[in-house]
Amino acid sequence: MTLAPDDDFAAAEFALGTLDAGERATLSARRRREPELDAAIRAWEARLSPLAEATPPIATPADFLPAIEARIRAATAPSASDGVATLQTRLSRWRAAAIGATGIAAALAIGFVAREATRAGAPKEFVAILQKSADSPAFIATINLAKGELSVRPVAAPAQVGKSYELWIIDAKLGPPRSLGVLDTDGVTRNPKLAAYDRAIVQDATYAVTVEPEGGSPDGKPSGPPVFVGKLVAVEP
């Protein structure tokens, strides 16, 4: 039985630690009864292990816990009931940012390891984190360079009421940005358009996401500056 692309992608996110608690629990249950899924998760964990080995331990600052406790005491004062919710929201954002940064670092580590491991042959699989900054990943794009297949999965892209996210490929050899279609914020978006482009351009291009009128740009051009951008790094299959 061949593992579905969505399940392989979920296995990668499981290893990266970017799934939420519910998704992780579901996948943990499935891997116990699905050997192919369990093998995929183990394979991704093996690919990511060099990152853990290369990262030195970081000591927690001595005043870190007292500072947090002081803020919690201030937030839980009777006159600051609204502050509790605010603090909880911030803590959730910090946690999400930490997970996102870890995922990005892991993706870059995959690219480094793959580069060293594939010098004898050109890699075929690539991944790009489309983000505003290092702690705000919005979409993850995966590309099979040999087939020109593109899949984009949302990570933390906020929904746009009455608007759409649109993906663009940008390279000086292409001239103006070229649209790769509107992105779905609720599921995986697949697009075969990259098959029409030269492989070297696909590999070296910048990928950008803009906010467009609902349904996409009406004139085939970006309506404004990119809100998320990323570059491809190679992944060893």
Protein backbone atom coordinates (compact mmCIF):
# COMPACT_ATOMS: atom_id res chain seq x y z
CA MET A 1 0.00 0.00 0.00
CA THR A 2 1.37 3.43 -1.01
CA LEU A 3 1.02 6.25 1.50
CA ALA A 4 -1.14 9.12 0.27
CA PRO A 5 0.68 12.48 -0.26
CA ASP A 6 -1.48 14.15 2.41
CA ASP A 7 -0.52 11.47 4.94
CA ASP A 8 3.17 11.81 4.10
CA PHE A 9 2.86 15.56 4.57
CA ALA A 10 1.10 15.01 7.91
CA ALA A 11 3.89 12.63 8.93
CA ALA A 12 6.42 15.38 8.22
CA GLU A 13 4.44 17.86 10.31
CA PHE A 14 4.20 15.27 13.11
CA ALA A 15 7.99 14.98 13.13
CA LEU A 16 8.39 18.77 12.95
CA GLY A 17 5.96 19.30 15.83
CA THR A 18 3.71 21.73 13.97
CA LEU A 19 0.43 19.81 14.38
CA ASP A 20 -2.04 21.00 16.99
CA ALA A 21 -2.90 18.73 19.93
CA GLY A 22 -5.98 17.22 18.28
CA GLU A 23 -4.26 16.46 14.98
CA ARG A 24 -1.26 14.99 16.77
CA ALA A 25 -3.45 12.72 18.90
CA THR A 26 -5.31 11.52 15.80
CA LEU A 27 -2.09 10.75 13.97
CA SER A 28 -0.62 9.02 17.02
CA ALA A 29 -3.64 6.71 17.11
CA ARG A 30 -3.45 6.03 13.38
CA ARG A 31 0.25 5.20 13.37
CA ARG A 32 -0.39 2.37 15.84
CA ARG A 33 -2.67 0.60 13.36
CA GLU A 34 -1.16 1.79 10.06
CA PRO A 35 2.39 0.50 9.51
CA GLU A 36 2.94 2.66 6.41
CA LEU A 37 2.13 5.85 8.33
CA ASP A 38 4.32 4.80 11.26
CA ALA A 39 7.19 4.11 8.85
CA ALA A 40 6.75 7.53 7.23
CA ILE A 41 6.87 9.29 10.61
CA ARG A 42 9.99 7.36 11.57
CA ALA A 43 11.61 8.25 8.26
CA TRP A 44 10.91 11.97 8.76
CA GLU A 45 12.24 11.79 12.33
CA ALA A 46 15.43 10.21 10.98
CA ARG A 47 15.81 12.99 8.42
CA LEU A 48 15.40 15.64 11.12
CA SER A 49 17.71 14.00 13.69
CA PRO A 50 20.82 15.91 12.47
CA LEU A 51 19.12 19.13 13.57
CA ALA A 52 18.81 17.90 17.17
CA GLU A 53 22.37 16.63 17.17
CA ALA A 54 23.76 19.89 15.82
CA THR A 55 21.85 22.16 18.17
CA PRO A 56 23.66 22.89 21.47
CA PRO A 57 21.58 22.99 24.68
CA ILE A 58 20.46 26.44 25.81
CA ALA A 59 20.24 27.18 29.50
CA THR A 60 17.05 28.88 30.67
CA PRO A 61 17.77 32.39 32.06
CA ALA A 62 17.73 32.39 35.88
CA ASP A 63 15.13 35.14 36.04
CA PHE A 64 12.83 33.64 33.38
CA LEU A 65 10.37 31.85 35.72
CA PRO A 66 10.13 34.68 38.32
CA ALA A 67 9.40 37.16 35.52
CA ILE A 68 6.56 34.98 34.20
CA GLU A 69 5.13 34.46 37.70
CA ALA A 70 5.23 38.20 38.34
CA ARG A 71 3.28 38.89 35.17
CA ILE A 72 0.72 36.23 36.03
CA ARG A 73 0.22 37.68 39.54
CA ALA A 74 -0.29 41.12 38.02
CA ALA A 75 -2.71 39.77 35.44
CA THR A 76 -4.80 37.86 37.99
CA ALA A 77 -5.40 40.88 40.24
CA PRO A 78 -9.16 41.60 40.76
CA SER A 79 -8.97 44.76 38.68
CA ALA A 80 -7.32 43.01 35.77
CA SER A 81 -9.66 40.20 34.83
CA ASP A 82 -9.37 41.19 31.20
CA GLY A 83 -5.61 40.91 31.52
CA VAL A 84 -5.87 37.18 32.20
CA ALA A 85 -7.42 36.49 28.83
CA THR A 86 -4.86 38.76 27.17
CA LEU A 87 -1.98 36.96 28.85
CA GLN A 88 -3.38 33.57 27.89
CA THR A 89 -3.68 34.72 24.30
CA ARG A 90 -0.09 35.94 24.32
CA LEU A 91 1.14 32.69 25.81
CA SER A 92 -0.65 30.78 23.04
CA ARG A 93 0.95 33.02 20.43
CA TRP A 94 4.40 32.58 21.97
CA ARG A 95 3.92 28.80 21.95
CA ALA A 96 2.77 28.84 18.34
CA ALA A 97 5.67 31.09 17.35
CA ALA A 98 8.15 28.76 19.04
CA ILE A 99 6.69 25.75 17.23
CA GLY A 100 6.73 27.62 13.95
CA ALA A 101 10.36 28.71 14.37
CA THR A 102 11.31 25.12 15.17
CA GLY A 103 9.56 23.92 12.03
CA ILE A 104 11.36 26.49 9.90
CA ALA A 105 14.73 25.58 11.38
CA ALA A 106 13.99 21.93 10.75
CA ALA A 107 13.05 22.61 7.15
CA LEU A 108 16.33 24.46 6.63
CA ALA A 109 18.20 21.60 8.28
CA ILE A 110 16.53 19.16 5.89
CA GLY A 111 17.78 21.29 3.00
CA PHE A 112 21.34 21.30 4.37
CA VAL A 113 21.42 17.55 4.94
CA ALA A 114 19.85 16.87 1.55
CA ARG A 115 22.39 19.10 -0.18
CA GLU A 116 25.25 17.11 1.30
CA ALA A 117 23.60 13.76 0.63
CA THR A 118 22.59 14.39 -2.97
CA ARG A 119 25.72 15.85 -4.55
CA ALA A 120 25.93 12.78 -6.79
CA GLY A 121 22.43 13.39 -8.16
CA ALA A 122 19.98 16.27 -8.38
CA PRO A 123 17.23 16.26 -5.68
CA LYS A 124 13.64 16.10 -6.86
CA GLU A 125 11.64 17.12 -3.78
CA PHE A 126 11.69 20.67 -2.42
CA VAL A 127 9.90 22.57 0.35
CA ALA A 128 9.38 26.30 0.96
CA ILE A 129 8.08 28.00 4.10
CA LEU A 130 5.97 30.98 3.00
CA GLN A 131 6.14 33.44 5.86
CA LYS A 132 6.17 37.07 6.92
CA SER A 133 8.99 36.60 9.45
CA ALA A 134 10.87 33.74 11.13
CA ASP A 135 8.15 33.27 13.75
CA SER A 136 5.10 33.51 11.49
CA PRO A 137 4.89 30.63 8.96
CA ALA A 138 1.68 30.91 6.93
CA PHE A 139 1.90 28.22 4.23
CA ILE A 140 4.19 25.30 3.42
CA ALA A 141 4.75 24.60 -0.27
CA THR A 142 6.12 21.26 -1.51
CA ILE A 143 7.30 20.75 -5.06
CA ASN A 144 8.21 17.65 -7.03
CA LEU A 145 10.66 19.16 -9.45
CA ALA A 146 10.72 16.14 -11.76
CA LYS A 147 6.94 16.21 -12.24
CA GLY A 148 6.33 19.95 -11.82
CA GLU A 149 3.77 19.20 -9.10
CA LEU A 150 3.01 21.85 -6.48
CA SER A 151 1.14 21.35 -3.20
CA VAL A 152 0.52 24.15 -0.70
CA ARG A 153 -0.77 23.53 2.81
CA PRO A 154 -1.91 26.29 5.21
CA VAL A 155 -0.14 26.50 8.58
CA ALA A 156 -1.26 29.69 10.29
CA ALA A 157 -2.55 31.93 7.51
CA PRO A 158 -5.47 33.99 8.85
CA ALA A 159 -8.67 33.81 6.81
CA GLN A 160 -9.37 36.82 4.58
CA VAL A 161 -13.04 37.82 4.57
CA GLY A 162 -14.02 38.77 1.04
CA LYS A 163 -10.42 38.32 -0.13
CA SER A 164 -8.22 35.50 -1.44
CA TYR A 165 -4.59 34.54 -1.09
CA GLU A 166 -2.80 34.12 -4.42
CA LEU A 167 0.59 32.46 -5.00
CA TRP A 168 3.15 33.87 -7.43
CA ILE A 169 6.46 32.67 -8.85
CA ILE A 170 9.03 35.47 -9.15
CA ASP A 171 12.25 35.29 -11.16
CA ALA A 172 14.07 37.88 -13.25
CA LYS A 173 14.04 35.53 -16.24
CA LEU A 174 10.24 35.46 -16.20
CA GLY A 175 9.72 39.21 -16.12
CA PRO A 176 6.61 40.17 -14.09
CA PRO A 177 5.41 37.76 -11.37
CA ARG A 178 3.45 34.79 -12.71
CA SER A 179 0.36 33.53 -10.90
CA LEU A 180 0.28 29.97 -9.56
CA GLY A 181 -3.33 30.27 -8.50
CA VAL A 182 -5.51 31.03 -5.48
CA LEU A 183 -4.67 29.23 -2.22
CA ASP A 184 -7.14 27.38 -0.01
CA THR A 185 -6.86 28.24 3.70
CA ASP A 186 -8.87 25.16 4.74
CA GLY A 187 -6.99 22.40 2.93
CA VAL A 188 -4.21 21.46 0.53
CA THR A 189 -4.02 23.35 -2.77
CA ARG A 190 -2.55 21.43 -5.71
CA ASN A 191 -1.43 23.00 -8.95
CA PRO A 192 0.31 21.49 -12.01
CA LYS A 193 1.31 24.86 -13.52
CA LEU A 194 4.99 24.55 -12.58
CA ALA A 195 5.41 21.83 -15.21
CA ALA A 196 5.38 24.62 -17.80
CA TYR A 197 8.46 26.31 -16.32
CA ASP A 198 12.15 25.52 -16.67
CA ARG A 199 13.35 23.40 -13.73
CA ALA A 200 16.23 25.76 -12.95
CA ILE A 201 13.80 28.69 -12.67
CA VAL A 202 11.42 26.69 -10.46
CA GLN A 203 14.25 25.74 -8.13
CA ASP A 204 15.80 29.22 -7.83
CA ALA A 205 12.67 31.40 -7.91
CA THR A 206 11.10 33.28 -5.03
CA TYR A 207 7.54 32.28 -4.11
CA ALA A 208 5.24 35.01 -2.82
CA VAL A 209 1.67 35.26 -1.57
CA THR A 210 -0.47 38.38 -1.97
CA VAL A 211 -3.95 39.29 -0.78
CA GLU A 212 -6.23 39.69 -3.78
CA PRO A 213 -9.93 40.29 -4.46
CA GLU A 214 -12.00 37.18 -3.85
CA GLY A 215 -11.23 34.64 -6.57
CA GLY A 216 -7.82 36.07 -7.40
CA SER A 217 -6.26 38.99 -9.22
CA PRO A 218 -8.61 40.29 -11.95
CA ASP A 219 -5.80 41.34 -14.29
CA GLY A 220 -3.16 38.66 -13.72
CA LYS A 221 -0.94 41.02 -11.75
CA PRO A 222 -0.36 41.30 -7.98
CA SER A 223 -2.66 43.93 -6.46
CA GLY A 224 -0.19 44.78 -3.71
CA PRO A 225 3.10 43.77 -2.06
CA PRO A 226 3.62 40.18 -0.89
CA VAL A 227 2.44 39.30 2.60
CA PHE A 228 4.34 35.97 2.71
CA VAL A 229 7.49 34.90 0.82
CA GLY A 230 9.81 31.89 0.71
CA LYS A 231 12.55 30.05 -1.18
CA LEU A 232 12.87 26.34 -1.89
CA VAL A 233 15.21 24.01 -0.03
CA ALA A 234 15.88 20.43 -1.14
CA VAL A 235 14.45 17.45 0.73
CA GLU A 236 16.04 14.01 0.50
CA PRO A 237 13.30 11.44 -0.30
